[in-house]
N, C-alpha and C. Protein backbone atom coordinates (compact mmCIF):
# COMPACT_ATOMS: atom_id res chain seq x y z
N MET A 1 121.36 84.42 36.83
CA MET A 1 120.27 85.34 36.69
C MET A 1 119.05 84.71 37.42
N VAL A 2 118.34 85.55 38.21
CA VAL A 2 117.12 85.08 38.85
C VAL A 2 115.99 85.25 37.85
N SER A 3 115.28 84.18 37.56
CA SER A 3 114.21 84.20 36.58
C SER A 3 112.85 84.58 37.25
N TYR A 4 111.84 84.77 36.44
CA TYR A 4 110.52 85.16 36.90
C TYR A 4 109.96 84.18 37.91
N ASP A 5 110.33 82.86 37.81
CA ASP A 5 109.77 81.88 38.69
C ASP A 5 110.66 81.67 39.95
N MET A 6 111.54 82.61 40.21
CA MET A 6 112.49 82.60 41.35
C MET A 6 113.55 81.54 41.29
N THR A 7 113.72 80.92 40.13
CA THR A 7 114.83 80.00 39.93
C THR A 7 116.04 80.77 39.49
N VAL A 8 117.21 80.25 39.79
CA VAL A 8 118.48 80.83 39.28
C VAL A 8 118.90 80.02 38.09
N ARG A 9 119.16 80.72 36.96
CA ARG A 9 119.53 80.06 35.72
C ARG A 9 120.81 80.63 35.18
N ASP A 10 121.58 79.80 34.47
CA ASP A 10 122.79 80.25 33.81
C ASP A 10 122.47 80.82 32.45
N ASN A 11 123.48 81.20 31.66
CA ASN A 11 123.24 81.86 30.40
C ASN A 11 122.46 81.09 29.36
N ASP A 12 122.44 79.76 29.43
CA ASP A 12 121.66 78.99 28.47
C ASP A 12 120.30 78.59 28.97
N GLY A 13 119.91 79.09 30.18
CA GLY A 13 118.57 78.80 30.73
C GLY A 13 118.50 77.59 31.58
N SER A 14 119.63 76.92 31.85
CA SER A 14 119.63 75.73 32.70
C SER A 14 119.45 76.20 34.20
N ILE A 15 118.71 75.41 34.97
CA ILE A 15 118.43 75.77 36.35
C ILE A 15 119.66 75.43 37.21
N VAL A 16 120.15 76.43 37.96
CA VAL A 16 121.26 76.23 38.87
C VAL A 16 120.70 76.05 40.29
N GLN A 17 119.75 76.82 40.68
CA GLN A 17 119.11 76.66 41.98
C GLN A 17 117.58 76.80 41.79
N PHE A 18 116.81 76.08 42.59
CA PHE A 18 115.39 76.18 42.47
C PHE A 18 114.82 77.37 43.20
N MET A 19 115.55 77.92 44.17
CA MET A 19 115.16 79.10 44.85
C MET A 19 116.39 79.96 45.04
N TYR A 20 116.29 81.24 44.77
CA TYR A 20 117.43 82.18 44.94
C TYR A 20 117.94 82.14 46.33
N GLY A 21 119.25 81.91 46.52
CA GLY A 21 119.90 81.95 47.79
C GLY A 21 119.74 80.67 48.64
N ASP A 22 119.04 79.72 48.15
CA ASP A 22 118.78 78.50 48.92
C ASP A 22 118.42 77.40 47.97
N ASP A 23 118.58 76.17 48.43
CA ASP A 23 118.17 75.03 47.62
C ASP A 23 116.78 74.53 47.97
N GLY A 24 116.14 75.15 48.96
CA GLY A 24 114.79 74.75 49.35
C GLY A 24 114.70 73.49 50.20
N VAL A 25 115.85 72.98 50.64
CA VAL A 25 115.86 71.73 51.46
C VAL A 25 116.11 72.09 52.90
N ASP A 26 115.23 71.61 53.82
CA ASP A 26 115.41 71.84 55.23
C ASP A 26 116.37 70.74 55.74
N VAL A 27 117.61 71.11 55.95
CA VAL A 27 118.63 70.15 56.33
C VAL A 27 118.27 69.37 57.60
N MET A 28 117.68 70.06 58.55
CA MET A 28 117.35 69.45 59.82
C MET A 28 116.18 68.43 59.72
N GLU A 29 115.48 68.42 58.61
CA GLU A 29 114.36 67.49 58.42
C GLU A 29 114.75 66.35 57.46
N THR A 30 115.98 66.29 56.99
CA THR A 30 116.36 65.24 56.10
C THR A 30 116.71 63.95 56.86
N GLY A 31 116.70 62.85 56.18
CA GLY A 31 117.03 61.60 56.83
C GLY A 31 118.51 61.41 57.11
N TYR A 32 119.37 62.29 56.57
CA TYR A 32 120.78 62.15 56.79
C TYR A 32 121.22 62.46 58.24
N LEU A 33 120.40 63.19 58.97
CA LEU A 33 120.74 63.54 60.32
C LEU A 33 120.92 62.32 61.21
N SER A 34 120.06 61.33 61.08
CA SER A 34 120.13 60.14 61.91
C SER A 34 121.00 59.07 61.24
N LYS A 35 121.29 59.21 59.98
CA LYS A 35 122.09 58.15 59.27
C LYS A 35 123.56 58.28 59.70
N PHE A 36 124.04 59.46 59.87
CA PHE A 36 125.42 59.70 60.29
C PHE A 36 125.42 60.14 61.76
N LYS A 37 125.98 59.32 62.62
CA LYS A 37 125.87 59.58 64.08
C LYS A 37 126.60 60.87 64.45
N PHE A 38 127.69 61.25 63.78
CA PHE A 38 128.37 62.48 64.18
C PHE A 38 127.50 63.69 63.91
N LEU A 39 126.65 63.66 62.88
CA LEU A 39 125.73 64.78 62.68
C LEU A 39 124.70 64.84 63.78
N GLU A 40 124.24 63.73 64.25
CA GLU A 40 123.24 63.66 65.27
C GLU A 40 123.84 64.18 66.61
N ARG A 41 125.11 63.81 66.92
CA ARG A 41 125.77 64.25 68.12
C ARG A 41 126.00 65.77 68.06
N ASN A 42 126.39 66.22 66.88
CA ASN A 42 126.67 67.64 66.67
C ASN A 42 125.35 68.48 66.89
N TYR A 43 124.26 67.99 66.37
CA TYR A 43 123.00 68.66 66.52
C TYR A 43 122.63 68.75 68.02
N GLU A 44 122.79 67.63 68.72
CA GLU A 44 122.48 67.60 70.19
C GLU A 44 123.34 68.61 70.93
N MET A 45 124.65 68.67 70.64
CA MET A 45 125.57 69.54 71.32
C MET A 45 125.20 71.03 71.00
N MET A 46 124.93 71.31 69.79
CA MET A 46 124.56 72.70 69.43
C MET A 46 123.26 73.10 70.06
N SER A 47 122.29 72.19 70.17
CA SER A 47 121.05 72.49 70.82
C SER A 47 121.25 72.82 72.30
N LEU A 48 122.12 72.06 72.97
CA LEU A 48 122.43 72.32 74.38
C LEU A 48 123.04 73.68 74.57
N LYS A 49 124.03 74.02 73.69
CA LYS A 49 124.68 75.30 73.79
C LYS A 49 123.71 76.46 73.54
N ALA A 50 122.82 76.27 72.60
CA ALA A 50 121.81 77.30 72.28
C ALA A 50 120.87 77.50 73.48
N LYS A 51 120.45 76.39 74.09
CA LYS A 51 119.54 76.52 75.26
C LYS A 51 120.23 77.24 76.39
N LYS A 52 121.49 76.95 76.62
CA LYS A 52 122.26 77.65 77.69
C LYS A 52 122.34 79.16 77.43
N LEU A 53 122.61 79.52 76.18
CA LEU A 53 122.68 80.93 75.83
C LEU A 53 121.36 81.64 76.05
N VAL A 54 120.24 80.98 75.74
CA VAL A 54 118.93 81.57 75.93
C VAL A 54 118.63 81.68 77.41
N GLN A 55 118.97 80.68 78.20
CA GLN A 55 118.70 80.67 79.63
C GLN A 55 119.50 81.79 80.31
N THR A 56 120.70 82.05 79.92
CA THR A 56 121.52 83.11 80.58
C THR A 56 121.15 84.50 80.11
N GLY A 57 120.33 84.58 79.07
CA GLY A 57 119.95 85.90 78.55
C GLY A 57 120.91 86.51 77.52
N ALA A 58 121.94 85.74 77.17
CA ALA A 58 122.91 86.25 76.21
C ALA A 58 122.29 86.35 74.81
N VAL A 59 121.29 85.56 74.57
CA VAL A 59 120.64 85.54 73.26
C VAL A 59 119.15 85.57 73.48
N GLU A 60 118.44 86.39 72.68
CA GLU A 60 117.00 86.45 72.76
C GLU A 60 116.41 85.84 71.47
N ILE A 61 115.37 85.05 71.61
CA ILE A 61 114.75 84.48 70.45
C ILE A 61 113.29 85.04 70.31
N GLU A 62 113.05 85.54 69.14
CA GLU A 62 111.72 86.11 68.86
C GLU A 62 111.00 85.24 67.87
N PRO A 63 109.75 84.95 68.07
CA PRO A 63 109.02 84.18 67.10
C PRO A 63 108.83 84.96 65.83
N ILE A 64 108.83 84.29 64.70
CA ILE A 64 108.68 84.94 63.42
C ILE A 64 107.21 85.16 63.12
């Protein structure tokens, strides 16, 4: 159940999530990205692929 403070709680009131639908952690800003080299390489590869898609016009990015 989503409570009045936007936390998700189970039937005894224990907090399951601090924000509904998300845990509130920005994964890209955590220290784990540089700790594990495969995550860092994956991020670089996905960034390059995303840039290519934007350059070719296949994907449009709009500021929020």
